[in-house]
Amino acid sequence: MIQPADGAYVCHGVTWATGDPRLLLAPLPAGPLVHAHVMNRRFGFRTGTGRWCTGRYGFTDTVRVEALACPGRARVEHGGQCDRCAGQDEFRLAHQFHQGGASTPEALGRYMAQPHWLYLATFADSTTKVGTAAEPRRRSRLDEQGALFATYLAKSPDGRAVRYLEDALGQRLELPQSVRAAAKLQALARLRDLSSARTAHEQYVVRAAGVLADLETPVVLEAWTPPEVGDRLRTGSAERVLYPHDLREGEHGFTVRSCIGSQGLVVLGEDNDEPGYLLDLGALKGRHITLGTFASPDTAVQTSLF
């Protein structure tokens, strides 16, 4: 595996598009996006101040999109995009596609015309959300969620129909369509047993199937198989604490031993059996980072806090 060279980048966050967790990085001052492997290898970096544009999505064909770096690597004060990238990002209207209103870009219309999947995902604190994924993103969309359990509920002919189903399930079962990364991380820190989350997920799947039957929608009920790199995190353990340093500033160095979504279990030294620290790699999105031989500040483990 070829790693990006030491140097400066704008971090675009964590992607699972390749089947494993990687940081998507835009080289400074220019160049195409590159992937940094994060699993089981030393990862050192220094984080700069401020927030920077994370580019946009462009259509590679009628059914796929790809991330594109901001040409000017512009600084932003609010949100994740500069005005130029936001104005050129046809994909940003995808979540409002079924609500009408603004005219739909032709490329987005073609993308939304392909089959989509409806799913439920349940997290470590038993919170359950409803979501959708286009056919090419069927796997990676769930891998990046950071869930313990997930189930594909139905296959819809297009993106408009699946979003109506998403809204209907959300309203009838009082389910959110998103869960904050901070809540996912805190729940993993407290995780001791998977039984509560498993039970909650199973109950919501049964209720969701009933709603879909009322809506005369064929039910699939296919369980998602979580990636093996998250197995260690999906096992409740007392030997984990929250990483005590802010990834958005300073110097850091660690090895990721397990990862689900953007949440990683890391060790600071070479001992794989040392207590792990939980952190959210997604906190680096929109930040300048410099890759190199950096190390985290000295850290005192306080497992008694959790």
Protein backbone atom coordinates (compact mmCIF):
# COMPACT_ATOMS: atom_id res chain seq x y z
CA MET A 1 0.00 0.00 0.00
CA ILE A 2 1.39 3.40 -1.02
CA GLN A 3 0.95 6.10 1.61
CA PRO A 4 0.84 9.84 0.88
CA ALA A 5 4.22 11.51 1.37
CA ASP A 6 4.91 13.59 4.45
CA GLY A 7 3.73 17.14 3.87
CA ALA A 8 0.71 19.45 4.05
CA TYR A 9 -2.88 18.53 3.10
CA VAL A 10 -6.49 19.59 3.54
CA CYS A 11 -8.33 16.67 5.12
CA HIS A 12 -11.64 15.71 3.51
CA GLY A 13 -12.54 13.26 6.28
CA VAL A 14 -12.88 9.48 6.35
CA THR A 15 -14.01 7.45 3.34
CA TRP A 16 -14.97 3.77 3.08
CA ALA A 17 -15.30 3.85 -0.71
CA THR A 18 -12.39 1.43 -1.09
CA GLY A 19 -13.79 -1.08 1.44
CA ASP A 20 -11.61 0.02 4.35
CA PRO A 21 -11.27 3.28 6.33
CA ARG A 22 -8.98 5.88 4.79
CA LEU A 23 -8.43 9.59 5.19
CA LEU A 24 -9.13 11.49 1.99
CA LEU A 25 -6.50 14.23 1.59
CA ALA A 26 -6.06 17.15 -0.80
CA PRO A 27 -2.34 17.98 -1.22
CA LEU A 28 -1.21 21.56 -0.70
CA PRO A 29 -0.93 23.71 -2.68
CA ALA A 30 -2.48 21.61 -5.48
CA GLY A 31 -2.98 18.09 -6.81
CA PRO A 32 -5.64 15.35 -6.96
CA LEU A 33 -7.07 13.77 -3.82
CA VAL A 34 -5.11 10.91 -2.26
CA HIS A 35 -6.00 8.20 0.24
CA ALA A 36 -4.15 7.62 3.51
CA HIS A 37 -4.53 4.13 4.98
CA VAL A 38 -5.20 4.36 8.70
CA MET A 39 -5.41 0.75 9.90
CA ASN A 40 -2.51 -0.85 11.80
CA ARG A 41 0.15 1.66 10.81
CA ARG A 42 1.75 4.59 12.58
CA PHE A 43 -0.06 7.83 11.76
CA GLY A 44 1.56 11.11 12.82
CA PHE A 45 0.43 14.62 12.00
CA ARG A 46 0.27 18.24 13.11
CA THR A 47 -3.02 20.14 12.77
CA GLY A 48 -3.12 23.79 11.69
CA THR A 49 -5.68 26.44 12.63
CA GLY A 50 -8.80 27.44 10.72
CA ARG A 51 -11.18 25.59 8.42
CA TRP A 52 -10.76 24.93 4.72
CA CYS A 53 -13.02 24.02 1.82
CA THR A 54 -13.51 20.29 1.31
CA GLY A 55 -14.41 20.65 -2.35
CA ARG A 56 -17.44 19.12 -4.00
CA TYR A 57 -18.83 15.99 -5.60
CA GLY A 58 -18.79 15.49 -9.35
CA PHE A 59 -20.53 12.86 -11.47
CA THR A 60 -18.20 10.36 -13.13
CA ASP A 61 -21.05 8.69 -15.04
CA THR A 62 -24.80 8.34 -14.67
CA VAL A 63 -24.66 6.28 -11.47
CA ARG A 64 -21.53 7.35 -9.55
CA VAL A 65 -20.06 10.42 -7.92
CA GLU A 66 -16.52 11.23 -6.85
CA ALA A 67 -15.02 13.72 -4.43
CA LEU A 68 -13.12 16.62 -5.98
CA ALA A 69 -10.69 18.94 -4.20
CA CYS A 70 -11.25 22.70 -4.03
CA PRO A 71 -9.06 24.18 -6.81
CA GLY A 72 -8.07 27.17 -4.67
CA ARG A 73 -7.92 25.31 -1.33
CA ALA A 74 -10.03 28.19 -0.04
CA ARG A 75 -10.48 29.06 3.62
CA VAL A 76 -14.09 28.98 4.88
CA GLU A 77 -15.74 30.65 7.84
CA HIS A 78 -18.99 28.67 7.85
CA GLY A 79 -19.94 25.25 6.52
CA GLY A 80 -17.63 22.95 4.60
CA GLN A 81 -17.50 24.57 1.14
CA CYS A 82 -16.41 27.85 -0.38
CA ASP A 83 -18.95 29.69 -2.53
CA ARG A 84 -17.34 28.46 -5.75
CA CYS A 85 -17.48 24.75 -4.83
CA ALA A 86 -20.98 25.04 -3.35
CA GLY A 87 -22.23 26.65 -6.55
CA GLN A 88 -20.76 23.89 -8.72
CA ASP A 89 -21.83 20.98 -6.48
CA GLU A 90 -24.82 19.43 -8.26
CA PHE A 91 -24.99 16.59 -5.73
CA ARG A 92 -25.76 18.87 -2.77
CA LEU A 93 -29.43 18.97 -3.80
CA ALA A 94 -29.81 15.18 -3.50
CA HIS A 95 -31.46 15.19 -0.07
CA GLN A 96 -34.09 17.72 -1.18
CA PHE A 97 -34.62 16.05 -4.55
CA HIS A 98 -38.04 14.61 -3.65
CA GLN A 99 -39.37 17.89 -2.25
CA GLY A 100 -39.43 19.73 -5.58
CA GLY A 101 -38.79 23.45 -5.71
CA ALA A 102 -35.38 24.20 -7.21
CA SER A 103 -34.74 22.85 -10.69
CA THR A 104 -32.85 19.56 -10.72
CA PRO A 105 -29.49 19.42 -12.54
CA GLU A 106 -29.57 16.88 -15.36
CA ALA A 107 -26.68 14.85 -13.92
CA LEU A 108 -28.37 14.62 -10.52
CA GLY A 109 -31.62 13.55 -12.15
CA ARG A 110 -29.85 10.67 -13.90
CA TYR A 111 -28.10 9.67 -10.66
CA MET A 112 -31.35 9.70 -8.67
CA ALA A 113 -33.10 7.57 -11.32
CA GLN A 114 -31.11 4.48 -10.33
CA PRO A 115 -32.23 1.99 -7.62
CA HIS A 116 -31.79 3.04 -3.97
CA TRP A 117 -31.91 1.16 -0.68
CA LEU A 118 -33.73 1.98 2.55
CA TYR A 119 -32.02 0.90 5.77
CA LEU A 120 -32.07 1.09 9.57
CA ALA A 121 -28.83 1.53 11.56
CA THR A 122 -28.48 1.18 15.34
CA PHE A 123 -25.61 2.64 17.37
CA ALA A 124 -23.92 1.79 20.66
CA ASP A 125 -26.46 3.68 22.80
CA SER A 126 -29.36 1.93 21.00
CA THR A 127 -30.21 5.06 19.01
CA THR A 128 -31.62 3.97 15.65
CA LYS A 129 -31.78 6.02 12.45
CA VAL A 130 -33.36 5.53 9.04
CA GLY A 131 -31.33 6.21 5.93
CA THR A 132 -30.93 5.64 2.20
CA ALA A 133 -28.13 4.61 -0.14
CA ALA A 134 -27.82 4.57 -3.92
CA GLU A 135 -27.07 1.17 -5.44
CA PRO A 136 -23.30 1.80 -5.98
CA ARG A 137 -23.04 3.07 -2.37
CA ARG A 138 -25.06 0.25 -0.86
CA ARG A 139 -22.10 -1.15 1.07
CA SER A 140 -19.88 1.87 1.74
CA ARG A 141 -22.77 4.03 2.95
CA LEU A 142 -23.44 1.67 5.86
CA ASP A 143 -19.75 1.02 6.54
CA GLU A 144 -19.18 4.74 7.10
CA GLN A 145 -22.08 5.14 9.54
CA GLY A 146 -20.35 3.73 12.63
CA ALA A 147 -23.30 1.51 13.57
CA LEU A 148 -23.30 -1.74 15.53
CA PHE A 149 -26.23 -3.23 13.63
CA ALA A 150 -27.95 -2.36 10.35
CA THR A 151 -30.55 -3.91 8.09
CA TYR A 152 -31.54 -3.18 4.50
CA LEU A 153 -35.32 -2.85 4.57
CA ALA A 154 -36.35 -2.34 0.97
CA LYS A 155 -35.06 -1.69 -2.53
CA SER A 156 -36.67 1.27 -4.24
CA PRO A 157 -36.71 1.94 -8.00
CA ASP A 158 -35.23 5.44 -7.62
CA GLY A 159 -34.02 8.10 -5.22
CA ARG A 160 -37.29 10.02 -5.13
CA ALA A 161 -39.39 7.05 -4.03
CA VAL A 162 -36.89 5.93 -1.39
CA ARG A 163 -36.84 9.38 0.23
CA TYR A 164 -40.60 9.35 0.59
CA LEU A 165 -40.24 6.01 2.39
CA GLU A 166 -37.45 7.46 4.55
CA ASP A 167 -39.67 10.37 5.59
CA ALA A 168 -42.62 8.06 6.28
CA LEU A 169 -40.60 5.74 8.53
CA GLY A 170 -39.02 8.66 10.32
CA GLN A 171 -42.39 10.19 11.09
CA ARG A 172 -44.27 7.03 12.05
CA LEU A 173 -41.50 5.51 14.17
CA GLU A 174 -40.07 8.86 15.37
CA LEU A 175 -36.63 8.00 13.98
CA PRO A 176 -33.91 10.52 13.11
CA GLN A 177 -32.20 10.57 9.73
CA SER A 178 -28.81 11.45 11.22
CA VAL A 179 -26.86 10.92 14.45
CA ARG A 180 -24.12 13.27 15.64
CA ALA A 181 -20.56 11.94 15.58
CA ALA A 182 -20.01 13.12 19.17
CA ALA A 183 -22.96 11.02 20.36
CA LYS A 184 -21.61 7.94 18.54
CA LEU A 185 -18.21 8.40 20.17
CA GLN A 186 -19.58 8.88 23.70
CA ALA A 187 -21.79 5.80 23.29
CA LEU A 188 -18.81 3.66 22.24
CA ALA A 189 -16.89 4.82 25.32
CA ARG A 190 -19.71 3.55 27.53
CA LEU A 191 -20.34 0.33 25.59
CA ARG A 192 -20.15 -2.78 27.79
CA ASP A 193 -22.76 -5.06 26.24
CA LEU A 194 -24.27 -5.27 22.77
CA SER A 195 -27.55 -6.85 23.89
CA SER A 196 -29.47 -3.58 24.36
CA ALA A 197 -28.51 -2.25 20.94
CA ARG A 198 -29.26 -5.61 19.31
CA THR A 199 -32.71 -5.79 20.93
CA ALA A 200 -33.53 -2.20 19.97
CA HIS A 201 -32.50 -2.84 16.38
CA GLU A 202 -34.55 -6.02 16.09
CA GLN A 203 -37.63 -4.28 17.50
CA TYR A 204 -37.34 -1.36 15.12
CA VAL A 205 -36.87 -3.69 12.15
CA VAL A 206 -40.13 -5.46 13.01
CA ARG A 207 -41.96 -2.14 13.37
CA ALA A 208 -40.45 -0.78 10.15
CA ALA A 209 -41.53 -3.89 8.25
CA GLY A 210 -45.06 -3.28 9.47
CA VAL A 211 -45.01 0.32 8.25
CA LEU A 212 -43.69 -0.72 4.85
CA ALA A 213 -46.40 -3.38 4.58
CA ASP A 214 -49.01 -0.68 5.27
CA LEU A 215 -47.43 1.35 2.49
CA GLU A 216 -47.60 -1.69 0.17
CA THR A 217 -43.82 -1.69 -0.23
CA PRO A 218 -42.03 -5.05 -0.66
CA VAL A 219 -39.82 -5.79 2.35
CA VAL A 220 -36.30 -7.24 1.95
CA LEU A 221 -34.86 -7.45 5.52
CA GLU A 222 -31.24 -8.20 4.66
CA ALA A 223 -28.73 -7.85 7.50
CA TRP A 224 -25.61 -5.74 6.89
CA THR A 225 -22.33 -7.51 7.64
CA PRO A 226 -19.99 -5.13 9.51
CA PRO A 227 -16.34 -4.82 8.42
CA GLU A 228 -13.90 -6.96 10.41
CA VAL A 229 -11.70 -3.95 11.21
CA GLY A 230 -14.41 -2.83 13.65
CA ASP A 231 -14.70 -6.10 15.58
CA ARG A 232 -12.57 -4.94 18.50
CA LEU A 233 -14.69 -1.80 18.93
CA ARG A 234 -17.93 -3.75 18.69
CA THR A 235 -16.96 -5.81 21.74
CA GLY A 236 -17.78 -4.07 25.01
CA SER A 237 -14.60 -3.50 27.00
CA ALA A 238 -13.56 -1.48 30.04
CA GLU A 239 -10.11 -0.92 28.54
CA ARG A 240 -11.02 2.13 26.47
CA VAL A 241 -11.17 5.83 27.25
CA LEU A 242 -11.71 8.95 25.21
CA TYR A 243 -8.58 10.42 23.65
CA PRO A 244 -7.88 13.44 25.89
CA HIS A 245 -6.47 15.75 23.22
CA ASP A 246 -8.21 17.84 20.57
CA LEU A 247 -7.38 16.49 17.10
CA ARG A 248 -8.17 19.93 15.66
CA GLU A 249 -4.95 21.39 17.05
CA GLY A 250 -1.41 20.39 18.01
CA GLU A 251 0.64 17.28 17.29
CA HIS A 252 -0.59 13.69 17.39
CA GLY A 253 0.72 10.19 16.72
CA PHE A 254 -0.96 6.81 17.12
CA THR A 255 -1.82 3.48 15.52
CA VAL A 256 -5.46 2.66 14.72
CA ARG A 257 -6.30 -0.88 15.88
CA SER A 258 -10.03 -0.86 15.17
CA CYS A 259 -12.40 1.43 13.31
CA ILE A 260 -16.13 1.75 12.70
CA GLY A 261 -17.30 4.69 10.65
CA SER A 262 -14.98 7.55 11.55
CA GLN A 263 -14.51 6.37 15.16
CA GLY A 264 -11.17 4.73 15.85
CA LEU A 265 -9.62 2.80 18.73
CA VAL A 266 -5.95 3.79 18.83
CA VAL A 267 -2.82 2.97 20.80
CA LEU A 268 -0.02 5.47 21.32
CA GLY A 269 2.85 3.01 21.61
CA GLU A 270 3.81 -0.30 20.03
CA ASP A 271 2.00 -2.54 22.53
CA ASN A 272 -1.19 -3.85 20.96
CA ASP A 273 -2.50 -4.83 24.41
CA GLU A 274 -2.22 -1.37 25.97
CA PRO A 275 -5.51 0.39 26.83
CA GLY A 276 -7.03 1.93 23.74
CA TYR A 277 -8.14 5.49 23.22
CA LEU A 278 -11.33 6.37 21.37
CA LEU A 279 -11.33 9.28 18.95
CA ASP A 280 -13.23 10.57 15.95
CA LEU A 281 -11.05 10.91 12.86
CA GLY A 282 -13.90 12.88 11.31
CA ALA A 283 -12.86 15.82 13.50
CA LEU A 284 -10.02 16.39 11.03
CA LYS A 285 -12.38 17.20 8.16
CA GLY A 286 -11.72 20.67 6.80
CA ARG A 287 -8.42 21.03 8.65
CA HIS A 288 -4.88 21.58 7.44
CA ILE A 289 -2.75 18.65 8.56
CA THR A 290 0.93 18.03 8.06
CA LEU A 291 1.93 14.36 7.94
CA GLY A 292 5.21 13.43 9.58
CA THR A 293 6.91 11.85 12.58
CA PHE A 294 4.73 13.52 15.20
CA ALA A 295 3.65 12.12 18.58
CA SER A 296 0.76 12.77 20.93
CA PRO A 297 1.40 14.63 24.20
CA ASP A 298 2.03 12.50 27.27
CA THR A 299 -1.26 11.01 28.38
CA ALA A 300 -2.35 9.54 31.72
CA VAL A 301 -4.89 6.74 31.37
CA GLN A 302 -7.89 7.12 33.71
CA THR A 303 -10.11 4.12 33.10
CA SER A 304 -11.95 4.81 36.36
CA LEU A 305 -13.69 7.76 34.65
CA PHE A 306 -15.68 5.35 32.53
